[in-house]
Amino acid sequence: CENHRVPLPPAAFECGTTITMDISKGLGIPDATSMYENNIAQVFMDSDCLAWIVLNHKEKSVNVIDIAFVEGMHQCLDAVEKLVQTAGVRVAIFISGNPRCFVVGADVKGIYPVTDAA
């Protein structure tokens, strides 16, 4: 992957365009190999040495930022860092495994639990 030039994304990636990929078929990423998976996301590496981080919060119906999401993303980014060091990955692309949305926002109660002052 040394000195590999990454092609510019096609026009289909313009703002507002929905792109759906089939997780069961490697997300439509040619020659993709699953490198890591947890309850929040899955990390793939393709033949062009691109890391694909597919968000898919298995404990929720949508991708929402909560404590589990933050911890899971730390693990995924650790896996990507290892791919940078060992496999020559230079780019990480975040996509959603949920065709309805990327991330809907933060679960504020889940991140900052309400405590009783009494």
N, C-alpha and C. Protein backbone atom coordinates (compact mmCIF):
# COMPACT_ATOMS: atom_id res chain seq x y z
N CYS A 1 0.81 -1.20 0.00
CA CYS A 1 0.00 0.00 0.00
C CYS A 1 0.85 1.27 0.00
N GLU A 2 2.15 1.12 -0.06
CA GLU A 2 3.01 2.29 -0.07
C GLU A 2 2.74 3.12 -1.32
N ASN A 3 2.69 4.41 -1.15
CA ASN A 3 2.49 5.37 -2.24
C ASN A 3 1.26 5.08 -3.09
N HIS A 4 0.27 4.48 -2.50
CA HIS A 4 -0.97 4.18 -3.23
C HIS A 4 -1.81 5.44 -3.31
N ARG A 5 -2.30 5.74 -4.50
CA ARG A 5 -3.15 6.89 -4.68
C ARG A 5 -4.60 6.46 -4.56
N VAL A 6 -5.32 7.12 -3.68
CA VAL A 6 -6.74 6.81 -3.49
C VAL A 6 -7.54 7.62 -4.49
N PRO A 7 -8.38 6.96 -5.31
CA PRO A 7 -9.17 7.70 -6.29
C PRO A 7 -10.20 8.58 -5.61
N LEU A 8 -10.55 9.66 -6.28
CA LEU A 8 -11.59 10.53 -5.74
C LEU A 8 -12.91 9.78 -5.74
N PRO A 9 -13.78 10.06 -4.76
CA PRO A 9 -15.07 9.36 -4.72
C PRO A 9 -15.93 9.75 -5.92
N PRO A 10 -16.77 8.81 -6.36
CA PRO A 10 -17.64 9.12 -7.50
C PRO A 10 -18.68 10.16 -7.12
N ALA A 11 -19.33 10.73 -8.12
CA ALA A 11 -20.34 11.75 -7.89
C ALA A 11 -21.48 11.25 -7.02
N ALA A 12 -21.65 9.92 -6.93
CA ALA A 12 -22.72 9.35 -6.10
C ALA A 12 -22.55 9.69 -4.63
N PHE A 13 -21.36 10.14 -4.24
CA PHE A 13 -21.11 10.46 -2.85
C PHE A 13 -21.40 11.92 -2.52
N GLU A 14 -22.09 12.64 -3.39
CA GLU A 14 -22.41 14.02 -3.13
C GLU A 14 -23.35 14.11 -1.93
N CYS A 15 -23.36 15.25 -1.29
CA CYS A 15 -24.17 15.49 -0.10
C CYS A 15 -25.64 15.16 -0.36
N GLY A 16 -26.25 14.43 0.55
CA GLY A 16 -27.66 14.10 0.44
C GLY A 16 -27.94 12.81 -0.28
N THR A 17 -26.93 12.17 -0.85
CA THR A 17 -27.12 10.92 -1.56
C THR A 17 -27.09 9.76 -0.57
N THR A 18 -28.03 8.86 -0.68
CA THR A 18 -28.06 7.69 0.18
C THR A 18 -27.38 6.54 -0.53
N ILE A 19 -26.44 5.91 0.17
CA ILE A 19 -25.74 4.76 -0.39
C ILE A 19 -26.01 3.59 0.54
N THR A 20 -26.57 2.53 0.03
CA THR A 20 -26.80 1.36 0.86
C THR A 20 -25.89 0.24 0.39
N MET A 21 -25.37 -0.50 1.34
CA MET A 21 -24.49 -1.61 1.02
C MET A 21 -24.97 -2.83 1.79
N ASP A 22 -24.82 -3.98 1.23
CA ASP A 22 -25.26 -5.23 1.83
C ASP A 22 -24.16 -5.79 2.71
N ILE A 23 -24.38 -5.77 4.03
CA ILE A 23 -23.36 -6.26 4.97
C ILE A 23 -23.01 -7.71 4.69
N SER A 24 -23.99 -8.51 4.30
CA SER A 24 -23.72 -9.93 4.07
C SER A 24 -22.81 -10.16 2.86
N LYS A 25 -22.66 -9.18 2.01
CA LYS A 25 -21.80 -9.32 0.84
C LYS A 25 -20.60 -8.39 0.95
N GLY A 26 -20.06 -8.24 2.15
CA GLY A 26 -18.88 -7.41 2.33
C GLY A 26 -19.14 -5.95 2.06
N LEU A 27 -20.38 -5.50 2.22
CA LEU A 27 -20.76 -4.10 2.06
C LEU A 27 -20.54 -3.56 0.66
N GLY A 28 -20.37 -4.43 -0.28
CA GLY A 28 -20.14 -3.97 -1.63
C GLY A 28 -18.73 -3.45 -1.85
N ILE A 29 -17.86 -3.64 -0.87
CA ILE A 29 -16.47 -3.22 -0.98
C ILE A 29 -15.70 -4.37 -1.60
N PRO A 30 -15.10 -4.16 -2.76
CA PRO A 30 -14.39 -5.27 -3.42
C PRO A 30 -13.25 -5.81 -2.57
N ASP A 31 -13.15 -7.10 -2.50
CA ASP A 31 -12.06 -7.77 -1.80
C ASP A 31 -11.90 -7.31 -0.35
N ALA A 32 -13.00 -7.03 0.32
CA ALA A 32 -12.95 -6.58 1.70
C ALA A 32 -12.83 -7.77 2.64
N THR A 33 -12.03 -7.59 3.67
CA THR A 33 -11.83 -8.61 4.68
C THR A 33 -12.21 -8.03 6.03
N SER A 34 -13.04 -8.75 6.77
CA SER A 34 -13.40 -8.30 8.11
C SER A 34 -12.19 -8.46 9.02
N MET A 35 -11.82 -7.37 9.69
CA MET A 35 -10.63 -7.37 10.53
C MET A 35 -10.96 -7.31 12.02
N TYR A 36 -12.14 -6.76 12.36
CA TYR A 36 -12.53 -6.62 13.77
C TYR A 36 -14.02 -6.36 13.82
N GLU A 37 -14.66 -6.84 14.90
CA GLU A 37 -16.09 -6.60 15.07
C GLU A 37 -16.44 -6.57 16.55
N ASN A 38 -17.33 -5.65 16.92
CA ASN A 38 -17.92 -5.64 18.26
C ASN A 38 -19.40 -5.27 18.12
N ASN A 39 -20.08 -4.95 19.21
CA ASN A 39 -21.52 -4.65 19.15
C ASN A 39 -21.83 -3.29 18.55
N ILE A 40 -20.82 -2.50 18.25
CA ILE A 40 -21.03 -1.15 17.75
C ILE A 40 -20.68 -1.04 16.27
N ALA A 41 -19.63 -1.69 15.85
CA ALA A 41 -19.16 -1.51 14.48
C ALA A 41 -18.33 -2.70 14.03
N GLN A 42 -18.06 -2.72 12.74
CA GLN A 42 -17.21 -3.74 12.15
C GLN A 42 -16.17 -3.02 11.29
N VAL A 43 -14.92 -3.48 11.37
CA VAL A 43 -13.83 -2.88 10.60
C VAL A 43 -13.44 -3.85 9.49
N PHE A 44 -13.45 -3.32 8.27
CA PHE A 44 -13.02 -4.07 7.09
C PHE A 44 -11.78 -3.41 6.52
N MET A 45 -10.97 -4.18 5.81
CA MET A 45 -9.89 -3.62 5.03
C MET A 45 -10.05 -4.14 3.61
N ASP A 46 -10.00 -3.25 2.63
CA ASP A 46 -10.16 -3.68 1.25
C ASP A 46 -8.81 -3.83 0.57
N SER A 47 -8.83 -4.23 -0.69
CA SER A 47 -7.60 -4.51 -1.44
C SER A 47 -6.79 -3.24 -1.73
N ASP A 48 -7.39 -2.07 -1.54
CA ASP A 48 -6.67 -0.80 -1.74
C ASP A 48 -6.12 -0.27 -0.42
N CYS A 49 -6.12 -1.10 0.61
CA CYS A 49 -5.63 -0.71 1.94
C CYS A 49 -6.43 0.43 2.55
N LEU A 50 -7.73 0.43 2.30
CA LEU A 50 -8.63 1.37 2.95
C LEU A 50 -9.32 0.65 4.09
N ALA A 51 -9.43 1.29 5.23
CA ALA A 51 -10.18 0.73 6.35
C ALA A 51 -11.60 1.28 6.27
N TRP A 52 -12.57 0.39 6.37
CA TRP A 52 -13.99 0.75 6.35
C TRP A 52 -14.55 0.45 7.72
N ILE A 53 -15.05 1.45 8.42
CA ILE A 53 -15.67 1.27 9.73
C ILE A 53 -17.17 1.39 9.53
N VAL A 54 -17.85 0.27 9.70
CA VAL A 54 -19.28 0.20 9.46
C VAL A 54 -20.01 0.27 10.79
N LEU A 55 -20.69 1.39 11.03
CA LEU A 55 -21.43 1.58 12.28
C LEU A 55 -22.71 0.77 12.24
N ASN A 56 -22.93 -0.04 13.27
CA ASN A 56 -24.13 -0.85 13.35
C ASN A 56 -24.36 -1.22 14.82
N HIS A 57 -24.93 -0.29 15.58
CA HIS A 57 -25.15 -0.45 17.03
C HIS A 57 -26.17 -1.58 17.24
N LYS A 58 -25.68 -2.76 17.59
CA LYS A 58 -26.55 -3.94 17.67
C LYS A 58 -27.52 -3.91 18.85
N GLU A 59 -27.26 -3.05 19.83
CA GLU A 59 -28.15 -2.96 21.00
C GLU A 59 -29.27 -1.95 20.79
N LYS A 60 -29.25 -1.22 19.69
CA LYS A 60 -30.24 -0.18 19.41
C LYS A 60 -30.80 -0.35 18.00
N SER A 61 -31.95 0.25 17.74
CA SER A 61 -32.53 0.17 16.40
C SER A 61 -31.87 1.15 15.44
N VAL A 62 -31.18 2.15 15.98
CA VAL A 62 -30.43 3.12 15.19
C VAL A 62 -29.06 3.32 15.83
N ASN A 63 -28.15 3.93 15.11
CA ASN A 63 -26.84 4.24 15.67
C ASN A 63 -26.97 5.49 16.54
N VAL A 64 -26.79 5.31 17.83
CA VAL A 64 -26.90 6.41 18.80
C VAL A 64 -25.63 6.43 19.65
N ILE A 65 -25.16 7.62 19.96
CA ILE A 65 -23.96 7.75 20.77
C ILE A 65 -24.33 7.62 22.23
N ASP A 66 -23.83 6.56 22.85
CA ASP A 66 -23.99 6.33 24.28
C ASP A 66 -22.67 5.78 24.80
N ILE A 67 -22.62 5.38 26.05
CA ILE A 67 -21.37 4.88 26.63
C ILE A 67 -20.86 3.67 25.86
N ALA A 68 -21.74 2.74 25.51
CA ALA A 68 -21.33 1.54 24.76
C ALA A 68 -20.75 1.94 23.40
N PHE A 69 -21.36 2.94 22.75
CA PHE A 69 -20.87 3.40 21.45
C PHE A 69 -19.46 3.96 21.57
N VAL A 70 -19.25 4.81 22.57
CA VAL A 70 -17.93 5.42 22.77
C VAL A 70 -16.87 4.35 23.04
N GLU A 71 -17.18 3.41 23.92
CA GLU A 71 -16.23 2.33 24.23
C GLU A 71 -15.97 1.46 23.01
N GLY A 72 -17.03 1.13 22.26
CA GLY A 72 -16.89 0.32 21.06
C GLY A 72 -16.07 1.01 19.98
N MET A 73 -16.27 2.32 19.84
CA MET A 73 -15.50 3.07 18.84
C MET A 73 -14.02 3.13 19.23
N HIS A 74 -13.72 3.24 20.52
CA HIS A 74 -12.32 3.19 20.96
C HIS A 74 -11.67 1.88 20.51
N GLN A 75 -12.38 0.77 20.69
CA GLN A 75 -11.86 -0.54 20.29
C GLN A 75 -11.67 -0.60 18.77
N CYS A 76 -12.62 -0.08 18.01
CA CYS A 76 -12.51 -0.09 16.55
C CYS A 76 -11.34 0.78 16.09
N LEU A 77 -11.17 1.93 16.70
CA LEU A 77 -10.07 2.81 16.31
C LEU A 77 -8.73 2.21 16.69
N ASP A 78 -8.68 1.45 17.80
CA ASP A 78 -7.46 0.71 18.14
C ASP A 78 -7.14 -0.32 17.05
N ALA A 79 -8.18 -1.00 16.55
CA ALA A 79 -7.99 -1.98 15.47
C ALA A 79 -7.49 -1.29 14.20
N VAL A 80 -8.04 -0.13 13.88
CA VAL A 80 -7.58 0.62 12.70
C VAL A 80 -6.14 1.07 12.89
N GLU A 81 -5.80 1.51 14.09
CA GLU A 81 -4.41 1.92 14.36
C GLU A 81 -3.44 0.77 14.11
N LYS A 82 -3.83 -0.45 14.50
CA LYS A 82 -2.99 -1.62 14.24
C LYS A 82 -2.86 -1.86 12.73
N LEU A 83 -3.94 -1.64 11.98
CA LEU A 83 -3.88 -1.79 10.53
C LEU A 83 -2.97 -0.73 9.90
N VAL A 84 -2.95 0.45 10.47
CA VAL A 84 -2.04 1.50 10.00
C VAL A 84 -0.60 1.05 10.19
N GLN A 85 -0.33 0.49 11.35
CA GLN A 85 1.04 0.09 11.70
C GLN A 85 1.49 -1.17 10.97
N THR A 86 0.58 -2.10 10.70
CA THR A 86 0.99 -3.40 10.17
C THR A 86 0.63 -3.64 8.71
N ALA A 87 -0.40 -2.96 8.20
CA ALA A 87 -0.88 -3.27 6.86
C ALA A 87 -0.83 -2.09 5.89
N GLY A 88 -0.35 -0.95 6.35
CA GLY A 88 -0.22 0.18 5.46
C GLY A 88 -1.49 0.97 5.21
N VAL A 89 -2.50 0.78 6.04
CA VAL A 89 -3.73 1.56 5.88
C VAL A 89 -3.43 3.03 6.12
N ARG A 90 -3.97 3.89 5.25
CA ARG A 90 -3.75 5.33 5.37
C ARG A 90 -5.06 6.11 5.45
N VAL A 91 -6.17 5.46 5.14
CA VAL A 91 -7.46 6.14 5.12
C VAL A 91 -8.49 5.25 5.82
N ALA A 92 -9.32 5.87 6.66
CA ALA A 92 -10.44 5.16 7.29
C ALA A 92 -11.73 5.87 6.86
N ILE A 93 -12.69 5.08 6.42
CA ILE A 93 -13.96 5.60 5.93
C ILE A 93 -15.06 5.09 6.85
N PHE A 94 -15.86 5.99 7.38
CA PHE A 94 -16.98 5.63 8.24
C PHE A 94 -18.24 5.58 7.40
N ILE A 95 -18.98 4.47 7.51
CA ILE A 95 -20.28 4.36 6.86
C ILE A 95 -21.24 3.72 7.84
N SER A 96 -22.52 3.77 7.54
CA SER A 96 -23.52 3.19 8.40
C SER A 96 -24.01 1.86 7.84
N GLY A 97 -24.15 0.88 8.71
CA GLY A 97 -24.76 -0.38 8.33
C GLY A 97 -26.27 -0.30 8.37
N ASN A 98 -26.79 0.81 8.88
CA ASN A 98 -28.22 1.05 8.97
C ASN A 98 -28.63 1.92 7.78
N PRO A 99 -29.47 1.41 6.89
CA PRO A 99 -29.82 2.18 5.69
C PRO A 99 -30.66 3.41 5.99
N ARG A 100 -31.20 3.53 7.22
CA ARG A 100 -32.06 4.67 7.55
C ARG A 100 -31.29 5.89 8.00
N CYS A 101 -30.11 5.71 8.57
CA CYS A 101 -29.40 6.87 9.11
C CYS A 101 -27.94 6.54 9.38
N PHE A 102 -27.14 7.58 9.57
CA PHE A 102 -25.74 7.40 9.94
C PHE A 102 -25.67 7.30 11.46
N VAL A 103 -25.83 8.41 12.16
CA VAL A 103 -25.92 8.44 13.62
C VAL A 103 -27.01 9.46 13.95
N VAL A 104 -27.95 9.08 14.81
CA VAL A 104 -29.07 9.98 15.10
C VAL A 104 -28.73 11.03 16.16
N GLY A 105 -27.71 10.81 16.94
CA GLY A 105 -27.33 11.77 17.98
C GLY A 105 -26.92 11.06 19.24
N ALA A 106 -26.86 11.83 20.32
CA ALA A 106 -26.39 11.29 21.60
C ALA A 106 -27.55 10.97 22.52
N ASP A 107 -27.40 9.89 23.26
CA ASP A 107 -28.32 9.53 24.33
C ASP A 107 -27.80 10.23 25.59
N VAL A 108 -28.26 11.46 25.79
CA VAL A 108 -27.73 12.30 26.88
C VAL A 108 -27.93 11.63 28.23
N LYS A 109 -29.07 11.01 28.46
CA LYS A 109 -29.31 10.33 29.75
C LYS A 109 -28.36 9.15 29.92
N GLY A 110 -28.01 8.52 28.82
CA GLY A 110 -27.08 7.39 28.89
C GLY A 110 -25.65 7.81 29.14
N ILE A 111 -25.29 9.01 28.67
CA ILE A 111 -23.93 9.51 28.86
C ILE A 111 -23.79 10.21 30.20
N TYR A 112 -24.79 11.02 30.54
CA TYR A 112 -24.78 11.74 31.81
C TYR A 112 -26.01 11.31 32.61
N PRO A 113 -25.90 10.19 33.34
CA PRO A 113 -27.07 9.69 34.08
C PRO A 113 -27.58 10.72 35.08
N VAL A 114 -28.91 10.79 35.16
CA VAL A 114 -29.53 11.69 36.13
C VAL A 114 -29.33 11.12 37.52
N THR A 115 -28.83 11.95 38.41
CA THR A 115 -28.63 11.51 39.80
C THR A 115 -29.54 12.33 40.71
N ASP A 116 -30.01 11.70 41.74
CA ASP A 116 -30.87 12.36 42.72
C ASP A 116 -30.01 13.07 43.74
N ALA A 117 -30.20 14.38 43.88
CA ALA A 117 -29.40 15.18 44.80
C ALA A 117 -29.75 14.89 46.26
N ALA A 118 -30.87 14.27 46.50
CA ALA A 118 -31.30 14.02 47.88
C ALA A 118 -30.60 12.85 48.51
